[in-house]
Protein backbone atom coordinates (compact mmCIF):
# COMPACT_ATOMS: atom_id res chain seq x y z
CA MET A 1 76.82 104.37 102.13
CA ALA A 2 77.72 104.49 98.46
CA LYS A 3 80.78 102.63 96.84
CA SER A 4 84.44 104.16 96.41
CA LYS A 5 85.58 105.86 93.23
CA LEU A 6 87.95 103.65 91.68
CA SER A 7 90.45 106.12 92.22
CA GLU A 8 90.18 106.10 95.83
CA LYS A 9 91.16 101.74 95.63
CA ILE A 10 94.01 103.30 93.09
CA GLY A 11 95.71 105.46 95.46
CA TYR A 12 94.98 102.95 98.70
CA GLY A 13 96.52 100.71 96.76
CA PHE A 14 99.55 102.62 95.96
CA GLY A 15 100.75 103.13 99.53
CA ASP A 16 101.50 99.27 100.21
CA MET A 17 103.16 99.10 97.11
CA SER A 18 105.42 101.50 97.80
CA SER A 19 105.81 99.60 102.00
CA SER A 20 106.04 96.22 100.09
CA MET A 21 108.92 97.49 97.47
CA PHE A 22 110.85 97.83 101.06
CA TRP A 23 109.21 95.27 102.90
CA LYS A 24 110.20 92.48 100.27
CA ILE A 25 113.83 93.51 99.94
CA PHE A 26 114.41 93.46 103.87
CA SER A 27 112.92 90.12 104.13
CA TYR A 28 114.58 88.37 101.10
CA TYR A 29 117.93 90.20 100.37
CA LEU A 30 118.92 91.54 103.26
CA PRO A 31 119.99 89.07 105.56
CA PHE A 32 122.18 87.98 102.37
CA PHE A 33 123.23 91.55 102.68
CA TYR A 34 124.39 91.43 105.92
CA SER A 35 125.97 88.12 105.89
CA ASN A 36 127.84 88.09 101.97
CA ILE A 37 127.99 92.11 101.32
CA PHE A 38 128.09 93.95 104.15
CA GLY A 39 130.87 91.19 106.40
CA LEU A 40 127.93 90.52 109.60
CA SER A 41 128.66 86.35 110.84
CA LEU A 42 125.36 84.28 110.38
CA ILE A 43 125.04 84.40 113.78
CA ASP A 44 125.37 87.92 114.38
CA ALA A 45 123.24 88.63 111.40
CA GLY A 46 120.36 86.70 112.91
CA VAL A 47 120.49 88.36 116.26
CA LEU A 48 120.52 91.54 114.67
CA VAL A 49 117.24 90.91 112.22
CA LEU A 50 115.69 89.26 115.22
CA VAL A 51 116.50 92.13 118.05
CA THR A 52 115.82 94.75 115.63
CA ARG A 53 112.05 93.17 114.54
CA ILE A 54 111.41 92.33 117.57
CA TRP A 55 111.44 95.94 118.69
CA ASP A 56 109.56 97.03 115.61
CA ALA A 57 106.50 94.76 116.40
CA VAL A 58 106.33 96.08 120.03
CA SER A 59 106.32 99.79 118.52
CA ASP A 60 103.13 98.82 116.18
CA PRO A 61 100.63 99.06 119.09
CA MET A 62 102.22 102.37 120.06
CA MET A 63 101.51 103.56 116.83
CA GLY A 64 98.06 102.15 116.89
CA VAL A 65 97.26 103.53 120.20
CA ILE A 66 98.83 107.13 118.77
CA SER A 67 96.85 106.84 115.72
CA ASP A 68 93.74 106.08 117.07
CA ARG A 69 93.95 109.44 118.96
CA THR A 70 95.02 111.53 115.75
CA ASN A 71 92.58 114.33 115.00
CA THR A 72 93.26 116.65 111.75
CA LYS A 73 91.64 118.19 108.93
CA TRP A 74 92.76 115.27 107.22
CA GLY A 75 91.30 112.34 109.62
CA LYS A 76 93.18 110.20 111.94
CA TYR A 77 95.20 107.80 109.87
CA ARG A 78 95.72 109.26 106.18
CA PRO A 79 98.65 112.47 108.10
CA TYR A 80 100.78 109.93 108.70
CA LEU A 81 101.51 108.97 104.81
CA LEU A 82 102.39 112.92 104.36
CA TRP A 83 104.45 113.02 107.46
CA VAL A 84 106.80 109.93 107.12
CA ALA A 85 107.08 109.83 103.87
CA PRO A 86 110.43 111.40 103.00
CA PHE A 87 111.90 109.38 106.82
CA PHE A 88 110.77 106.33 105.12
CA SER A 89 113.26 106.66 101.98
CA ILE A 90 116.24 108.74 104.23
CA CYS A 91 116.11 105.52 105.90
CA GLY A 92 116.11 103.08 103.93
CA ILE A 93 118.84 104.24 101.70
CA LEU A 94 120.96 104.25 105.43
CA LEU A 95 119.99 101.12 105.85
CA PHE A 96 122.27 99.84 102.67
CA THR A 97 125.07 101.86 103.27
CA THR A 98 128.49 100.19 104.34
CA PRO A 99 130.43 102.65 106.21
CA ASP A 100 134.40 101.84 106.36
CA LEU A 101 134.47 101.09 109.94
CA GLU A 102 135.95 97.93 111.95
CA TYR A 103 133.59 95.31 112.53
CA GLY A 104 132.40 96.42 115.99
CA GLY A 105 131.57 99.96 114.26
CA LYS A 106 129.43 98.09 111.28
CA LEU A 107 127.46 96.13 113.61
CA ILE A 108 126.65 99.49 115.85
CA TRP A 109 125.60 101.07 112.63
CA ALA A 110 123.50 97.92 110.72
CA TYR A 111 121.62 98.39 114.61
CA VAL A 112 121.21 101.71 114.45
CA THR A 113 120.34 102.36 110.50
CA TYR A 114 117.79 98.90 110.90
CA ILE A 115 115.97 99.82 114.17
CA LEU A 116 115.42 103.35 112.50
CA MET A 117 114.16 102.05 109.90
CA MET A 118 112.18 99.90 111.15
CA THR A 119 110.61 102.57 113.33
CA VAL A 120 110.20 104.86 110.51
CA TYR A 121 108.44 102.00 109.00
CA THR A 122 105.87 101.65 112.21
CA GLY A 123 105.21 105.42 111.86
CA ILE A 124 103.50 105.14 108.36
CA ASN A 125 102.59 101.46 107.98
CA VAL A 126 100.52 101.24 110.97
CA PRO A 127 98.71 104.22 110.18
CA TYR A 128 97.89 103.06 106.70
CA GLY A 129 96.86 99.56 107.37
CA ALA A 130 93.90 101.33 109.73
CA MET A 131 93.06 103.04 106.95
CA LEU A 132 90.71 100.44 105.68
CA GLY A 133 88.73 100.40 108.88
CA VAL A 134 87.31 103.82 107.81
CA MET A 135 87.16 104.12 104.23
CA THR A 136 83.96 101.96 104.43
CA ASP A 137 81.33 100.20 106.24
CA ASP A 138 80.76 97.47 103.78
CA THR A 139 82.61 94.11 104.48
CA ASN A 140 82.58 93.52 101.10
CA GLU A 141 83.99 96.93 100.03
CA LYS A 142 86.78 96.17 102.53
CA THR A 143 88.06 92.82 100.82
CA VAL A 144 87.96 94.91 97.53
CA PHE A 145 89.84 97.82 98.63
CA SER A 146 92.11 95.12 100.55
CA SER A 147 92.60 93.41 97.20
CA PHE A 148 93.43 96.88 95.72
CA ARG A 149 96.03 97.22 98.57
CA MET A 150 97.68 93.57 97.77
CA PHE A 151 97.48 94.02 94.19
CA PHE A 152 99.63 96.91 94.11
CA ALA A 153 101.83 95.49 96.79
CA TYR A 154 102.69 92.81 94.76
CA GLY A 155 103.08 94.93 91.50
CA GLY A 156 105.34 96.44 93.75
CA SER A 157 107.70 93.80 94.84
CA PHE A 158 107.67 92.05 91.71
CA ILE A 159 109.45 95.47 90.17
CA SER A 160 112.24 95.94 92.95
CA LEU A 161 112.75 91.93 93.03
CA PHE A 162 112.72 91.49 89.57
CA LEU A 163 115.12 94.51 88.93
CA TRP A 164 117.13 94.18 92.46
CA GLU A 165 119.70 92.34 90.97
CA PRO A 166 119.97 94.06 87.80
CA LEU A 167 120.42 97.25 89.48
CA CYS A 168 122.90 96.30 91.64
CA ASN A 169 124.86 95.27 88.75
CA ALA A 170 124.34 98.63 86.77
CA MET A 171 125.09 100.50 89.35
CA GLY A 172 128.63 98.91 90.60
CA GLY A 173 128.17 95.35 90.99
CA TYR A 174 125.81 92.62 92.92
CA ASP A 175 128.91 91.92 95.13
CA SER A 176 129.58 95.27 95.47
CA PRO A 177 128.03 97.54 98.39
CA LYS A 178 128.34 100.25 96.06
CA GLY A 179 125.89 98.38 93.94
CA TRP A 180 123.55 97.67 96.67
CA PHE A 181 123.25 101.20 97.69
CA TRP A 182 122.17 102.79 94.64
CA ALA A 183 120.01 100.55 94.05
CA MET A 184 118.33 101.36 97.20
CA VAL A 185 118.34 105.33 96.35
CA MET A 186 116.07 104.31 92.99
CA ILE A 187 114.20 102.40 95.05
CA ALA A 188 113.80 104.58 98.18
CA ALA A 189 112.85 107.65 95.48
CA ALA A 190 110.18 105.72 93.54
CA CYS A 191 108.79 104.66 97.05
CA PHE A 192 108.54 108.58 98.21
CA VAL A 193 106.42 109.45 95.12
CA MET A 194 103.72 106.56 95.56
CA PHE A 195 103.12 107.47 99.33
CA ILE A 196 102.42 111.14 98.57
CA LEU A 197 99.93 109.65 95.71
CA CYS A 198 98.18 108.00 98.33
CA PHE A 199 98.18 110.37 100.52
CA LEU A 200 96.67 112.74 97.59
CA MET A 201 93.73 110.51 96.23
CA THR A 202 92.22 108.93 99.59
CA LYS A 203 89.83 110.02 102.24
CA GLU A 204 88.23 108.85 105.46
CA HIS A 205 84.96 108.73 105.26
CA LEU A 206 84.33 107.05 108.57
CA LYS A 207 84.66 109.07 111.76
CA THR A 208 85.41 106.80 114.79
CA MET A 209 86.03 108.16 118.57
CA SER A 210 87.97 106.44 121.02
CA THR A 211 86.14 107.10 124.26
CA VAL A 212 87.95 105.14 126.67
CA SER A 213 91.01 105.18 128.04
CA VAL A 214 94.34 103.67 126.70
CA GLY A 215 94.38 100.91 129.54
CA SER A 216 90.66 100.26 128.04
CA ASP A 217 92.23 99.77 124.31
CA PHE A 218 93.99 96.97 125.32
CA LYS A 219 92.36 95.22 128.14
CA ALA A 220 89.62 94.96 125.25
CA LEU A 221 92.19 93.94 122.90
CA LEU A 222 93.24 91.35 124.97
CA SER A 223 89.94 89.66 125.52
CA ASN A 224 89.27 89.50 121.94
CA LYS A 225 89.20 85.99 121.16
CA PRO A 226 89.22 86.29 117.30
CA TRP A 227 92.03 88.61 117.53
CA TRP A 228 94.07 86.36 119.33
CA LEU A 229 93.49 83.55 116.63
CA LEU A 230 93.57 85.98 113.96
CA ILE A 231 96.60 87.18 114.91
CA GLY A 232 98.54 83.53 115.44
CA ALA A 233 96.96 82.37 112.00
CA ALA A 234 99.01 85.45 110.33
CA LEU A 235 101.91 85.65 112.38
CA CYS A 236 102.07 81.66 110.53
CA PHE A 237 100.98 82.99 107.44
CA ASN A 238 104.29 85.72 107.61
CA LEU A 239 106.81 82.90 108.84
CA PHE A 240 105.94 80.87 105.84
CA ASN A 241 106.61 83.73 103.39
CA THR A 242 109.68 84.64 105.64
CA VAL A 243 111.47 81.70 105.99
CA ARG A 244 111.19 80.74 101.93
CA GLY A 245 111.50 84.47 100.37
CA ALA A 246 114.79 85.01 103.11
CA THR A 247 116.23 81.57 101.85
CA VAL A 248 116.06 81.86 97.85
CA ALA A 249 118.82 84.07 97.51
CA TYR A 250 120.99 81.34 99.25
CA PHE A 251 119.24 78.37 97.43
CA PHE A 252 120.18 80.05 94.03
CA GLN A 253 123.55 80.68 94.90
CA ASP A 254 124.34 77.36 96.42
CA ILE A 255 121.91 74.96 95.12
CA ILE A 256 120.70 76.04 91.60
CA GLY A 257 124.25 77.76 90.74
CA ALA A 258 124.55 81.05 89.43
CA ASN A 259 124.95 80.75 85.84
CA VAL A 260 121.53 78.49 84.85
CA ASN A 261 119.37 79.35 81.57
CA LEU A 262 116.29 77.98 80.69
CA VAL A 263 115.04 77.80 77.08
CA PHE A 264 111.44 79.32 76.52
CA PHE A 265 109.79 78.72 73.10
CA GLY A 266 113.74 79.17 71.37
CA LEU A 267 114.24 82.11 73.66
CA VAL A 268 117.22 81.86 76.26
CA PHE A 269 116.95 83.46 79.34
CA ALA A 270 118.69 83.94 83.32
CA PHE A 271 117.18 81.38 85.48
CA TYR A 272 117.79 83.70 88.83
CA ALA A 273 117.03 84.25 92.33
CA GLY A 274 115.56 87.65 91.65
CA LEU A 275 113.68 86.26 88.28
CA PHE A 276 112.13 83.79 90.43
CA LEU A 277 110.76 85.66 93.11
CA GLY A 278 109.62 88.02 90.55
CA VAL A 279 107.30 85.23 88.87
CA GLY A 280 106.27 85.16 92.56
CA GLU A 281 104.80 88.67 92.95
CA VAL A 282 103.13 88.48 89.35
CA SER A 283 101.26 85.25 90.61
CA ASN A 284 100.55 86.50 93.75
CA MET A 285 98.83 89.32 91.86
CA VAL A 286 96.66 86.72 90.20
CA GLY A 287 95.79 85.62 93.69
CA VAL A 288 95.17 88.67 95.26
CA ALA A 289 92.65 89.22 91.82
CA SER A 290 90.81 86.32 92.66
CA CYS A 291 90.86 86.85 96.28
CA VAL A 292 87.09 88.75 96.17
CA SER A 293 85.16 86.15 94.22
CA ILE A 294 86.51 83.10 96.24
CA SER A 295 86.14 84.23 99.62
CA SER A 296 82.26 85.81 98.66
CA ARG A 297 81.49 82.43 97.52
CA LEU A 298 83.31 80.17 100.01
CA GLY A 299 83.42 82.50 103.16
CA LYS A 300 86.38 84.43 105.08
CA LYS A 301 87.27 81.33 107.14
CA THR A 302 86.78 78.48 104.53
CA THR A 303 89.29 80.18 101.97
CA PHE A 304 91.76 80.71 104.69
CA ILE A 305 91.84 77.07 105.70
CA LEU A 306 91.63 75.28 102.30
CA VAL A 307 94.62 77.52 100.90
CA ASN A 308 97.07 76.78 103.87
CA ALA A 309 96.02 73.05 103.45
CA SER A 310 97.23 73.48 99.75
CA LEU A 311 100.47 74.99 100.63
CA VAL A 312 101.02 72.00 102.96
CA VAL A 313 100.97 70.03 99.43
CA LEU A 314 102.70 71.51 97.58
CA SER A 315 105.44 72.88 99.89
CA VAL A 316 106.06 68.83 100.47
CA LEU A 317 106.25 67.89 96.92
CA PHE A 318 108.72 71.45 96.10
CA TYR A 319 111.35 69.03 98.33
CA PHE A 320 111.21 66.61 95.63
CA ILE A 321 111.74 68.34 92.64
CA PRO A 322 115.22 67.66 91.21
CA CYS A 323 118.04 70.18 89.59
CA THR A 324 117.61 69.27 86.54
CA PRO A 325 116.47 71.37 83.64
CA THR A 326 113.35 69.95 83.72
CA GLY A 327 113.27 70.03 87.73
CA TYR A 328 114.16 74.05 87.17
CA TRP A 329 110.76 74.62 85.68
CA LEU A 330 108.83 72.65 87.71
CA MET A 331 110.34 74.96 90.72
CA LEU A 332 109.01 77.93 88.31
CA ILE A 333 105.70 75.94 88.49
CA PHE A 334 105.38 75.49 92.10
CA GLN A 335 106.78 79.00 92.71
CA ILE A 336 103.63 79.92 90.29
CA LEU A 337 100.48 77.65 92.55
CA ILE A 338 102.36 78.82 95.72
CA SER A 339 101.91 82.63 95.27
CA ILE A 340 98.70 82.11 94.20
CA LEU A 341 97.48 80.67 97.12
CA THR A 342 99.73 83.12 98.81
CA GLY A 343 98.07 86.27 96.83
CA ILE A 344 94.67 84.98 98.30
CA MET A 345 95.45 85.11 101.24
CA SER A 346 97.15 88.56 101.64
CA PRO A 347 93.93 90.54 101.32
CA LEU A 348 91.71 88.37 103.20
CA VAL A 349 93.88 88.78 106.08
CA TRP A 350 93.97 92.28 106.58
CA SER A 351 90.43 91.99 105.66
CA MET A 352 89.54 89.78 108.35
CA TYR A 353 91.51 92.28 110.64
CA ALA A 354 88.77 94.77 109.83
CA ASP A 355 85.89 92.34 111.02
CA VAL A 356 87.59 91.78 113.86
CA SER A 357 87.51 95.74 114.66
CA ASP A 358 83.86 95.89 113.78
CA PHE A 359 83.51 93.01 116.14
CA ALA A 360 85.58 94.88 119.00
CA GLU A 361 83.85 97.89 118.04
CA LEU A 362 79.94 96.62 118.79
CA LYS A 363 81.47 94.42 122.01
CA PHE A 364 83.53 96.43 123.39
CA LYS A 365 82.64 99.90 122.72
CA THR A 366 86.00 101.05 122.01
CA ALA A 367 86.67 102.40 118.23
CA SER A 368 90.41 101.15 118.47
CA THR A 369 91.25 100.32 114.52
CA GLY A 370 94.41 101.63 114.53
CA LEU A 371 95.72 99.29 117.65
CA ILE A 372 93.73 96.18 115.79
CA PHE A 373 95.57 97.09 112.56
CA SER A 374 98.54 97.48 114.09
CA SER A 375 98.35 93.82 115.86
CA SER A 376 98.13 92.36 112.23
CA SER A 377 101.66 94.62 111.06
CA MET A 378 102.94 93.28 114.45
CA ALA A 379 102.13 89.92 113.35
CA GLN A 380 104.18 90.29 110.10
CA LYS A 381 106.89 91.69 111.63
CA PHE A 382 106.99 88.58 114.44
CA GLY A 383 106.90 86.53 111.47
CA GLY A 384 109.50 88.02 109.71
CA ALA A 385 111.70 88.25 112.68
CA ILE A 386 111.28 84.50 113.85
CA GLY A 387 111.72 83.73 109.93
CA GLY A 388 114.61 85.73 109.46
CA ALA A 389 117.00 84.89 112.34
CA ALA A 390 116.00 81.28 111.36
CA VAL A 391 116.82 80.73 108.51
CA LEU A 392 120.77 82.55 109.23
CA TRP A 393 121.01 80.38 112.67
CA LEU A 394 120.12 76.91 111.11
CA LEU A 395 122.46 77.82 107.88
CA ASP A 396 125.51 78.21 110.66
CA GLY A 397 123.78 75.54 112.50
CA PHE A 398 124.41 73.38 109.49
CA GLY A 399 127.80 74.87 108.77
CA TYR A 400 127.18 77.46 106.03
CA ILE A 401 130.23 78.87 104.78
CA THR A 402 129.94 82.94 104.22
CA ASP A 403 133.57 83.47 103.62
CA ALA A 404 134.21 84.71 99.88
CA THR A 405 137.83 83.73 100.36
CA GLN A 406 136.99 80.35 101.20
CA LEU A 407 134.58 79.80 98.32
CA ALA A 408 136.92 81.61 95.72
CA GLN A 409 139.62 79.13 96.83
CA GLY A 410 136.85 75.85 95.63
CA VAL A 411 135.94 75.35 99.24
CA THR A 412 132.39 74.09 98.62
CA GLN A 413 129.39 74.18 100.72
CA PRO A 414 129.21 71.18 103.37
CA THR A 415 126.25 68.76 102.71
CA GLU A 416 124.57 69.26 105.57
CA ALA A 417 124.02 73.06 104.72
CA LEU A 418 122.89 71.97 101.11
CA ALA A 419 120.07 70.09 102.78
CA CYS A 420 119.23 72.60 105.20
CA LEU A 421 118.44 74.81 102.05
CA ARG A 422 116.20 72.28 101.03
CA TRP A 423 113.88 72.13 104.05
CA LEU A 424 113.91 75.56 104.38
CA MET A 425 112.40 75.64 100.69
CA SER A 426 109.96 73.12 101.29
CA PHE A 427 109.43 71.16 105.14
CA ILE A 428 109.65 74.10 107.81
CA PRO A 429 107.12 76.19 105.55
CA ALA A 430 104.57 73.07 105.39
CA CYS A 431 104.65 72.73 109.25
CA VAL A 432 104.47 76.72 109.52
CA ALA A 433 100.97 76.02 106.86
CA LEU A 434 99.84 73.60 108.40
CA LEU A 435 100.38 75.35 112.22
CA SER A 436 98.18 77.90 110.79
CA MET A 437 95.25 76.40 109.44
CA CYS A 438 94.81 74.63 112.57
CA VAL A 439 95.16 77.79 114.36
CA VAL A 440 92.14 79.44 112.16
CA TRP A 441 89.89 76.60 112.91
CA PHE A 442 88.52 77.90 115.60
CA TYR A 443 88.76 81.55 114.49
CA PRO A 444 84.23 82.54 115.53
CA LEU A 445 83.56 85.36 112.96
CA THR A 446 81.57 83.26 110.25
CA THR A 447 80.32 85.39 107.12
CA GLU A 448 76.91 85.14 109.19
CA ARG A 449 77.81 86.48 111.92
CA ILE A 450 80.14 89.55 110.67
CA ASN A 451 76.86 90.58 108.66
CA ALA A 452 74.86 90.80 111.93
CA ILE A 453 77.29 92.84 113.37
CA ASN A 454 77.82 95.41 110.66
CA ALA A 455 73.79 95.54 110.79
CA GLU A 456 73.84 96.89 113.97
CA LEU A 457 76.88 99.02 113.85
CA ARG A 458 74.83 100.84 111.06
CA GLN A 459 72.28 101.12 113.74
CA ILE A 460 74.34 102.45 116.27
CA ARG A 461 76.24 104.59 113.71
CA ALA A 462 72.96 106.07 112.68
CA ILE A 463 71.58 107.07 115.87
CA GLU A 464 74.80 108.88 116.99
CA ASP A 465 74.54 110.67 113.88
């Protein structure tokens, strides 16, 4: 088929730009919000993050099956962008609402709003991801679409993360529930507009039909060796990102400090968590932009392995950076390098899921694109669930203090808790990246095999048409 229009690739990018603005705030700031703003204990906040995201992950295959069997004039997956977008924004606002309730009531509110938000997130993000499998049948075009998706995603993440703390301060204060609520209102409104643009600017070009039962779809999925390997590697990749990201707010508050300034060509600027994360998102975009050329030259599997090997080395070295003015610059440099690498990884993973979908269609004679892509979302959320909860529980286990009153009275964080923060930014992510590299070593879908699969599928689809 002919190459897709640039406007369609941009439109597809708007979808994940919207999703990522929410997802990065959830991953990087929500644990801090629950423990330091909303008022939950670290243990309760950790259990909340784990339980809700496990439910979210489990619901992904359900949504994949539903969307695979949806048929409208707009296609199978695209209509959900229109149908679910309003609820997506409303639930995000409710999530950052702090009701005037006793502790037990607030805990119930947190569970209800978080589960509702993650359910709605699944309802729009799983069909959105599955669209990649029906927008083109060319494996390189899939990587291009995936790169546009992730480039826009990191652009949205940069905007939300860089502006989050200033927005909170402008709307009532970074330490105030009011500031967090109104900041999310503004982010949610922008996300709604972008999902509508994604719906209007895209189209499903391939028509696939699931001709087997739901049980057969799941049986084929569980027999799909490349799917198992890729989901394991993707879970580790998302665990790597979540552990580092969820630690940053604590790391800056207790290791670096709140009032650190850096000088750049005579200009003084604040060095804070949002800047650190925002620089990372811009660097992610650089990685995304280079993904197609690198992966087409080296192959997707080789690129995946080399990127993770580099992440291991850089993460270990991050531990040894001192907390000095020179050290802060080194931290920024390492954040840039690590983020460029994770930027390469993101579109690569989504493109590899599209290849797994083609493999399944040829081998198992089932068009279960939504189910397969929902597994990628499931891996993302399991990684987020485990990573977010682990950060909170580890901090609690090492005696981290969240009581604002104690801290205001001059009580300092235990040495063990500070050491834990440094490990969460270095050795622990390094181990996760090493595991991801080892898993994908056994992934069988090489470039040559994928090209052969696509050639056979084109012949089959031509006969069916």
